[in-house]
Protein backbone atom coordinates (compact mmCIF):
# COMPACT_ATOMS: atom_id res chain seq x y z
CA MET A 1 0.00 0.00 0.00
CA LYS A 2 1.25 3.44 -0.92
CA ILE A 3 -0.89 6.59 -0.90
CA GLU A 4 -0.62 10.38 -0.82
CA THR A 5 -3.16 12.69 0.81
CA THR A 6 -3.18 15.66 3.20
CA ARG A 7 -2.81 15.67 6.95
CA ASP A 8 -6.18 17.32 7.75
CA THR A 9 -8.12 15.15 5.30
CA LEU A 10 -6.79 11.97 6.87
CA LEU A 11 -6.87 13.10 10.51
CA ASN A 12 -10.50 14.27 10.39
CA LYS A 13 -11.70 10.90 9.10
CA ILE A 14 -9.57 8.91 11.52
CA LEU A 15 -11.01 10.89 14.44
CA LEU A 16 -14.48 9.89 13.20
CA VAL A 17 -13.79 6.16 13.01
CA ASN A 18 -11.80 6.37 16.24
CA ARG A 19 -15.09 6.72 18.14
CA THR A 20 -15.49 2.94 18.20
CA ILE A 21 -12.21 2.47 20.06
CA THR A 22 -13.05 2.46 23.78
CA PRO A 23 -11.30 1.23 26.95
CA LYS A 24 -13.56 -1.85 27.00
CA ILE A 25 -11.99 -3.45 23.89
CA THR A 26 -11.08 -7.07 24.61
CA THR A 27 -8.18 -7.70 22.22
CA TYR A 28 -5.23 -5.51 21.25
CA VAL A 29 -5.94 -5.77 17.52
CA LEU A 30 -9.19 -3.85 18.07
CA SER A 31 -7.13 -0.84 19.16
CA GLY A 32 -6.13 -0.55 15.52
CA ILE A 33 -7.88 0.75 12.44
CA MET A 34 -7.78 -0.67 8.94
CA LEU A 35 -6.37 1.46 6.13
CA GLU A 36 -7.21 -0.01 2.73
CA ALA A 37 -6.06 1.63 -0.49
CA ASP A 38 -8.23 0.93 -3.49
CA ASN A 39 -9.71 3.67 -5.69
CA ASN A 40 -9.51 5.92 -2.61
CA LEU A 41 -8.45 5.24 0.97
CA ASN A 42 -10.97 3.19 2.94
CA ILE A 43 -10.74 3.47 6.76
CA HIS A 44 -12.50 0.95 9.02
CA SER A 45 -12.69 0.52 12.80
CA THR A 46 -14.73 -1.72 15.10
CA ASP A 47 -15.21 -2.77 18.72
CA LEU A 48 -17.34 -5.77 17.63
CA GLU A 49 -20.51 -3.93 18.62
CA THR A 50 -20.13 -0.84 16.42
CA SER A 51 -18.25 -0.54 13.14
CA ILE A 52 -17.49 2.60 11.13
CA LYS A 53 -16.23 2.72 7.58
CA THR A 54 -15.38 5.89 5.72
CA PHE A 55 -13.43 6.99 2.68
CA VAL A 56 -10.74 9.59 2.16
CA LYS A 57 -9.74 11.21 -1.12
CA ALA A 58 -6.21 10.05 -1.79
CA LYS A 59 -3.79 9.45 -4.62
CA VAL A 60 -3.34 5.68 -4.64
CA LEU A 61 0.11 4.72 -5.88
CA GLU A 62 -0.13 1.11 -4.77
CA LYS A 63 -3.16 -0.83 -3.53
CA GLY A 64 -3.15 -2.78 -0.26
CA LYS A 65 -4.31 -2.72 3.35
CA VAL A 66 -2.80 -2.53 6.80
CA ILE A 67 -3.88 -2.36 10.47
CA VAL A 68 -2.34 0.52 12.44
CA PRO A 69 -2.62 1.32 16.19
CA SER A 70 -5.11 4.19 16.16
CA LYS A 71 -3.89 6.10 19.22
CA ILE A 72 -0.34 6.28 17.91
CA LEU A 73 -1.44 7.22 14.40
CA VAL A 74 -3.61 10.07 15.70
CA SER A 75 -0.75 11.32 17.88
CA VAL A 76 1.64 11.31 14.93
CA LEU A 77 -0.78 13.08 12.60
CA LYS A 78 -1.54 15.75 15.20
CA SER A 79 2.18 16.50 15.43
CA PHE A 80 2.33 17.35 11.71
CA PRO A 81 1.43 20.71 10.16
CA GLU A 82 -1.26 20.77 7.48
CA ALA A 83 0.67 19.50 4.46
CA LYS A 84 0.90 16.62 2.01
CA ILE A 85 1.67 13.28 3.64
CA LYS A 86 2.67 9.90 2.24
CA LEU A 87 1.86 6.50 3.75
CA GLU A 88 3.65 3.38 2.57
CA HIS A 89 3.39 -0.19 3.82
CA LEU A 90 6.73 -2.02 3.88
CA SER A 91 5.65 -5.63 3.36
CA ALA A 92 9.13 -7.04 4.11
CA THR A 93 9.07 -5.72 7.70
CA ASN A 94 5.28 -5.26 8.05
CA GLU A 95 5.78 -1.61 8.97
CA LEU A 96 4.03 1.58 7.89
CA THR A 97 6.07 4.68 7.07
CA ILE A 98 4.42 8.09 7.37
CA THR A 99 6.22 11.02 5.78
CA CYS A 100 5.33 14.71 6.08
CA GLN A 101 7.81 17.29 4.79
CA LYS A 102 11.12 16.32 6.44
CA ALA A 103 9.56 14.18 9.20
CA LYS A 104 9.37 10.41 8.84
CA PHE A 105 7.82 7.87 11.21
CA THR A 106 7.94 4.09 10.96
CA LEU A 107 5.18 2.26 12.85
CA ASN A 108 4.73 -1.42 13.57
CA THR A 109 1.43 -2.76 12.23
CA LEU A 110 -1.04 -5.32 13.60
CA SER A 111 -2.31 -8.64 12.27
CA LEU A 112 -4.60 -8.37 9.26
CA GLU A 113 -5.83 -11.93 9.75
CA GLU A 114 -7.13 -11.23 13.26
CA TYR A 115 -8.99 -8.03 12.36
CA PRO A 116 -12.80 -8.45 12.00
CA GLN A 117 -14.53 -7.97 8.66
CA PHE A 118 -16.98 -5.11 8.25
CA PRO A 119 -20.55 -6.31 9.01
CA THR A 120 -22.83 -7.41 6.20
CA ILE A 121 -25.84 -5.16 5.65
CA LYS A 122 -29.16 -6.57 4.43
CA LYS A 123 -31.71 -3.96 3.43
CA GLN A 124 -34.88 -4.64 5.42
CA ASN A 125 -36.56 -1.61 6.99
CA PHE A 126 -34.88 1.04 4.88
CA PHE A 127 -35.77 4.75 4.82
CA LYS A 128 -34.21 8.17 4.38
CA ILE A 129 -34.48 11.25 6.57
CA ASP A 130 -33.16 14.76 6.20
CA LEU A 131 -29.87 14.87 8.08
CA LYS A 132 -30.62 18.25 9.65
CA ASP A 133 -33.85 16.81 11.10
CA PHE A 134 -32.03 13.73 12.40
CA ARG A 135 -29.27 15.79 14.00
CA TYR A 136 -31.91 18.04 15.61
CA LEU A 137 -33.66 15.05 17.18
CA ILE A 138 -30.40 13.58 18.51
CA SER A 139 -29.32 16.92 20.00
CA LYS A 140 -32.50 17.15 22.07
CA VAL A 141 -32.26 13.76 23.79
CA GLN A 142 -28.73 12.37 23.88
CA LYS A 143 -27.66 14.16 27.08
CA ALA A 144 -30.49 12.45 29.00
CA SER A 145 -29.18 8.96 28.25
CA SER A 146 -27.28 7.08 30.94
CA THR A 147 -23.58 6.20 31.02
CA ASP A 148 -24.12 3.48 33.64
CA GLU A 149 -23.63 0.17 31.83
CA SER A 150 -25.18 -1.80 34.69
CA ARG A 151 -28.50 -0.78 33.08
CA ILE A 152 -27.42 -1.07 29.48
CA ILE A 153 -30.84 -0.30 27.98
CA LEU A 154 -30.69 3.22 29.48
CA THR A 155 -27.42 3.93 27.62
CA GLY A 156 -29.50 3.92 24.45
CA VAL A 157 -32.03 6.16 22.76
CA LEU A 158 -35.46 4.79 21.92
CA ILE A 159 -36.46 5.58 18.34
CA GLU A 160 -40.07 5.17 17.22
CA VAL A 161 -41.05 5.73 13.60
CA ASN A 162 -44.70 5.68 12.68
CA LYS A 163 -47.03 7.36 10.17
CA GLY A 164 -44.63 10.05 8.97
CA ASN A 165 -43.39 10.83 12.47
CA MET A 166 -40.13 10.08 14.28
CA LYS A 167 -39.85 10.20 18.06
CA MET A 168 -36.69 9.90 20.15
CA VAL A 169 -36.70 9.21 23.90
CA ALA A 170 -33.83 9.01 26.40
CA THR A 171 -33.70 8.65 30.17
CA ASP A 172 -31.14 7.91 32.87
CA SER A 173 -33.95 7.43 35.45
CA TYR A 174 -33.35 10.93 36.88
CA ARG A 175 -34.50 12.80 33.79
CA LEU A 176 -36.41 12.08 30.63
CA SER A 177 -36.20 13.83 27.26
CA ILE A 178 -38.74 13.33 24.47
CA VAL A 179 -38.74 14.94 21.05
CA GLU A 180 -40.63 14.22 17.86
CA LYS A 181 -40.74 15.56 14.35
CA GLU A 182 -42.69 14.92 11.17
CA ILE A 183 -40.66 13.07 8.53
CA LYS A 184 -41.31 11.45 5.18
CA PHE A 185 -41.98 7.84 6.14
CA LYS A 186 -44.50 5.36 4.74
CA GLY A 187 -43.16 2.03 6.01
CA LYS A 188 -44.39 -0.17 8.83
CA PRO A 189 -44.01 1.13 12.41
CA LEU A 190 -40.53 0.66 13.91
CA LYS A 191 -39.37 0.73 17.52
CA VAL A 192 -35.70 0.16 18.43
CA VAL A 193 -33.11 1.23 21.01
CA ILE A 194 -29.81 2.50 19.58
CA PRO A 195 -26.64 3.18 21.62
CA ALA A 196 -26.51 6.89 22.42
CA ARG A 197 -22.77 7.08 21.74
CA VAL A 198 -23.38 5.99 18.14
CA LEU A 199 -25.93 8.74 17.61
CA ASP A 200 -23.51 11.17 19.27
CA SER A 201 -20.91 10.18 16.66
CA ILE A 202 -23.31 11.23 13.93
CA LEU A 203 -24.03 14.49 15.73
CA LYS A 204 -20.32 15.27 16.08
CA SER A 205 -19.39 14.28 12.53
CA ASP A 206 -18.72 16.86 9.83
CA TYR A 207 -21.78 15.71 7.88
CA LEU A 208 -24.26 18.57 8.23
CA GLU A 209 -26.60 18.49 5.23
CA GLY A 210 -28.25 16.11 2.79
CA GLU A 211 -29.99 12.87 3.70
CA ILE A 212 -29.06 9.98 5.94
CA ASP A 213 -30.01 6.44 4.93
CA ILE A 214 -31.22 4.29 7.84
CA ASN A 215 -31.63 0.53 7.63
CA ILE A 216 -33.03 -1.38 10.62
CA GLU A 217 -32.51 -5.14 10.74
CA GLU A 218 -33.39 -7.69 13.40
CA ASN A 219 -30.26 -7.15 15.50
CA GLN A 220 -28.50 -4.16 13.99
CA VAL A 221 -29.01 -0.75 12.46
CA SER A 222 -26.90 0.95 9.82
CA PHE A 223 -26.54 4.62 8.94
CA GLU A 224 -25.14 5.82 5.66
CA LEU A 225 -24.00 9.42 5.31
CA ASN A 226 -23.40 10.49 1.74
CA ARG A 227 -21.33 13.48 0.76
CA GLU A 228 -20.23 11.96 -2.52
CA LYS A 229 -21.23 8.49 -3.69
CA GLU A 230 -17.71 7.13 -3.51
CA LEU A 231 -16.89 8.95 -0.25
CA LYS A 232 -19.76 7.86 1.98
CA THR A 233 -19.50 6.96 5.67
CA THR A 234 -21.28 3.87 6.98
CA ILE A 235 -21.94 3.20 10.67
CA VAL A 236 -23.29 -0.20 11.76
CA THR A 237 -24.18 -0.99 15.35
CA ARG A 238 -25.98 -3.66 17.30
CA LEU A 239 -29.39 -2.75 18.67
CA LEU A 240 -29.70 -2.78 22.45
CA SER A 241 -31.89 -5.55 23.81
CA GLY A 242 -34.12 -5.32 26.85
CA LYS A 243 -37.24 -3.48 27.90
CA PHE A 244 -37.05 0.31 27.64
CA PRO A 245 -39.00 2.04 30.44
CA ASP A 246 -42.68 2.76 29.80
CA TYR A 247 -41.87 6.46 29.62
CA GLU A 248 -45.41 7.68 29.02
CA LYS A 249 -46.40 6.50 32.52
CA LEU A 250 -43.62 8.63 34.00
CA ILE A 251 -45.19 11.89 32.80
CA PRO A 252 -47.69 13.35 35.30
CA SER A 253 -51.16 13.69 33.83
CA ASP A 254 -51.90 16.97 35.61
CA PHE A 255 -49.88 19.89 36.95
CA LYS A 256 -50.92 22.38 39.67
CA HIS A 257 -48.64 25.18 38.46
CA SER A 258 -47.43 26.33 35.04
CA ILE A 259 -44.84 29.09 35.31
CA ILE A 260 -43.60 30.97 32.25
CA VAL A 261 -39.94 31.94 32.55
CA ASN A 262 -37.60 33.86 30.28
CA ARG A 263 -35.21 31.17 29.05
CA GLU A 264 -32.05 33.27 28.77
CA LYS A 265 -32.58 34.90 32.15
CA ILE A 266 -33.04 31.71 34.15
CA MET A 267 -30.13 30.07 32.35
CA GLU A 268 -27.88 33.04 33.11
CA VAL A 269 -28.81 33.05 36.81
CA ILE A 270 -28.51 29.28 37.29
CA ARG A 271 -25.11 29.18 35.60
CA ARG A 272 -23.85 32.08 37.71
CA VAL A 273 -25.10 30.69 41.04
CA SER A 274 -23.89 27.15 40.24
CA SER A 275 -20.39 28.39 39.42
CA ILE A 276 -19.44 27.38 42.98
CA GLU A 277 -20.96 23.91 42.50
CA GLN A 278 -19.06 20.77 43.42
CA ASP A 279 -19.93 17.11 44.03
CA ASN A 280 -23.44 17.53 42.56
CA ILE A 281 -24.63 19.75 45.41
CA PRO A 282 -28.23 20.69 44.49
CA ILE A 283 -29.29 24.14 43.38
CA LYS A 284 -32.44 25.45 45.08
CA LEU A 285 -35.24 27.43 43.46
CA ASP A 286 -37.69 29.21 45.77
CA ILE A 287 -40.65 30.19 43.59
CA GLY A 288 -43.25 32.69 44.82
CA GLU A 289 -44.21 36.34 45.37
CA GLY A 290 -43.45 37.37 41.81
CA LYS A 291 -39.89 36.09 41.77
CA ILE A 292 -37.66 33.04 41.69
CA SER A 293 -34.80 32.98 44.19
CA VAL A 294 -31.94 30.74 43.05
CA SER A 295 -29.42 29.69 45.68
CA MET A 296 -26.67 27.23 46.49
CA ASN A 297 -25.03 26.59 49.83
CA ILE A 298 -21.87 24.49 50.15
CA ARG A 299 -20.49 24.20 53.66
CA GLU A 300 -16.84 23.86 52.61
CA VAL A 301 -16.99 26.57 49.93
CA GLY A 302 -19.63 29.19 50.66
CA SER A 303 -22.96 30.27 49.23
CA ALA A 304 -24.51 32.15 46.31
CA SER A 305 -27.98 33.50 45.59
CA GLU A 306 -29.78 35.66 43.04
CA ASP A 307 -33.40 36.64 42.39
CA PHE A 308 -35.25 37.47 39.19
CA LYS A 309 -38.83 38.48 38.49
CA VAL A 310 -41.46 36.06 37.24
CA ALA A 311 -45.22 36.28 36.71
CA TYR A 312 -46.28 33.98 39.54
CA ALA A 313 -48.23 34.81 42.70
CA GLU A 314 -49.54 31.48 43.98
CA GLU A 315 -48.27 29.32 46.86
CA LYS A 316 -44.54 29.23 47.55
CA ILE A 317 -42.68 26.32 46.00
CA PRO A 318 -39.22 25.35 47.30
CA ILE A 319 -37.63 22.89 44.88
CA ALA A 320 -34.07 21.71 44.21
CA PHE A 321 -32.27 19.99 41.34
CA ASN A 322 -28.97 18.65 40.14
CA PRO A 323 -27.65 21.88 38.55
CA GLY A 324 -26.10 20.13 35.53
CA PHE A 325 -29.32 18.27 34.74
CA LEU A 326 -31.35 21.47 35.08
CA ILE A 327 -28.99 23.39 32.77
CA ASP A 328 -29.14 20.57 30.21
CA GLY A 329 -32.93 20.71 30.20
CA ILE A 330 -33.15 24.47 29.76
CA ASP A 331 -30.41 24.35 27.15
CA ILE A 332 -32.25 22.01 24.77
CA ILE A 333 -35.47 24.03 24.86
CA GLY A 334 -35.64 26.73 22.20
CA GLY A 335 -37.61 29.95 22.05
CA LYS A 336 -37.76 33.08 24.17
CA ASN A 337 -39.77 31.59 27.05
CA ILE A 338 -40.05 28.17 28.64
CA ILE A 339 -42.70 26.71 30.92
CA PHE A 340 -42.03 24.99 34.24
CA CYS A 341 -44.93 22.59 34.92
CA ILE A 342 -44.95 21.62 38.60
CA VAL A 343 -47.10 19.24 40.65
CA GLU A 344 -45.34 19.63 44.01
CA PRO A 345 -41.74 20.01 45.26
CA LEU A 346 -40.85 16.30 45.26
CA LYS A 347 -42.65 15.27 42.08
CA PRO A 348 -41.00 15.42 38.63
CA ILE A 349 -41.28 18.78 36.88
CA LEU A 350 -41.77 19.14 33.17
CA ILE A 351 -39.89 21.78 31.16
CA LYS A 352 -41.17 22.59 27.69
CA PRO A 353 -41.26 25.46 25.17
CA GLU A 354 -43.94 28.10 25.60
CA LYS A 355 -45.17 27.25 22.11
CA GLY A 356 -45.49 23.71 20.80
CA ASP A 357 -45.40 20.35 22.54
CA SER A 358 -43.02 18.33 20.36
CA LEU A 359 -40.24 18.58 22.95
CA ILE A 360 -40.39 17.97 26.69
CA TYR A 361 -37.84 17.41 29.44
CA LEU A 362 -38.89 15.75 32.68
CA LEU A 363 -36.61 16.19 35.70
CA MET A 364 -36.67 14.64 39.17
CA PRO A 365 -36.16 17.12 42.04
CA ILE A 366 -33.74 16.42 44.91
CA ARG A 367 -34.93 16.23 48.49
CA ILE A 368 -33.25 18.86 50.66
CA SER A 369 -33.35 19.47 54.41
């Protein structure tokens, strides 16, 4: 294998496929990525649960493929300036040379025979969706998913597609985010749970426009992002198995108080007061008498408080939250004003836009003395 390309072109794509390489990999060969020179440069990575394949524009001088330790390759590429680079596999020593200007690195490669093949895709439940719409949906729910792998189903995002509508739901049992959007879809109803980190990879990719092809099979889902036909990126991941929480039962059917709040103002105050936060100390909101008083008291550090006006004159409501979770909820809601829907201080509150009901964020309060 011998190819020429540019540092940024190669590094950007390697950082994308590198998202499959996690500390939980079971064999050393999975710490590597496959570089395969054909018409262009094909890059492939996998952790046996998720696989990513993408293509890089390159001048192919000699076809071939090689497995390279990803962490080392990224470190080397980051050390280079943006310039032309040349990669060449030395079959006699099974090494890869990387040359950029006057710098030259020679890296040991890994076993091709031990590296897994890219998964086979069978088109079953196939549909397209506007990529901007898909990215929007992901951005509204992915922070609410769990990172605790002892409840693996909560590390995923529930996706329901039905009658021209797509809904995404995520929860870590302390908060719940639901968003839906009309899409062009005429197939049979679908309901699957997809790892949140895979959707986050799509959100953080440099694919911003166009369509995304989605194909849902019995045990896996694939996403195809097309910038140019020959330079597409394909992501294949196993679906999460298990019973996702019956989220609709978690949403209170009735609320005693609905308080309209200026979104920017409450976000500004909460961020300022929680700047002294540590160890998930709760932030307290005292609602009543035409104002909301936001405060935080940390014995070892000190205290902070700030008031702002709000159109509310009913009973006083003292309520407290994890400040990070509260900020996340306010952050995903758009528009000038948001609505806090409250039952009572220890029941979940619902945060939603003043206009429209296609996005809601449910948050559990924290009991305080």
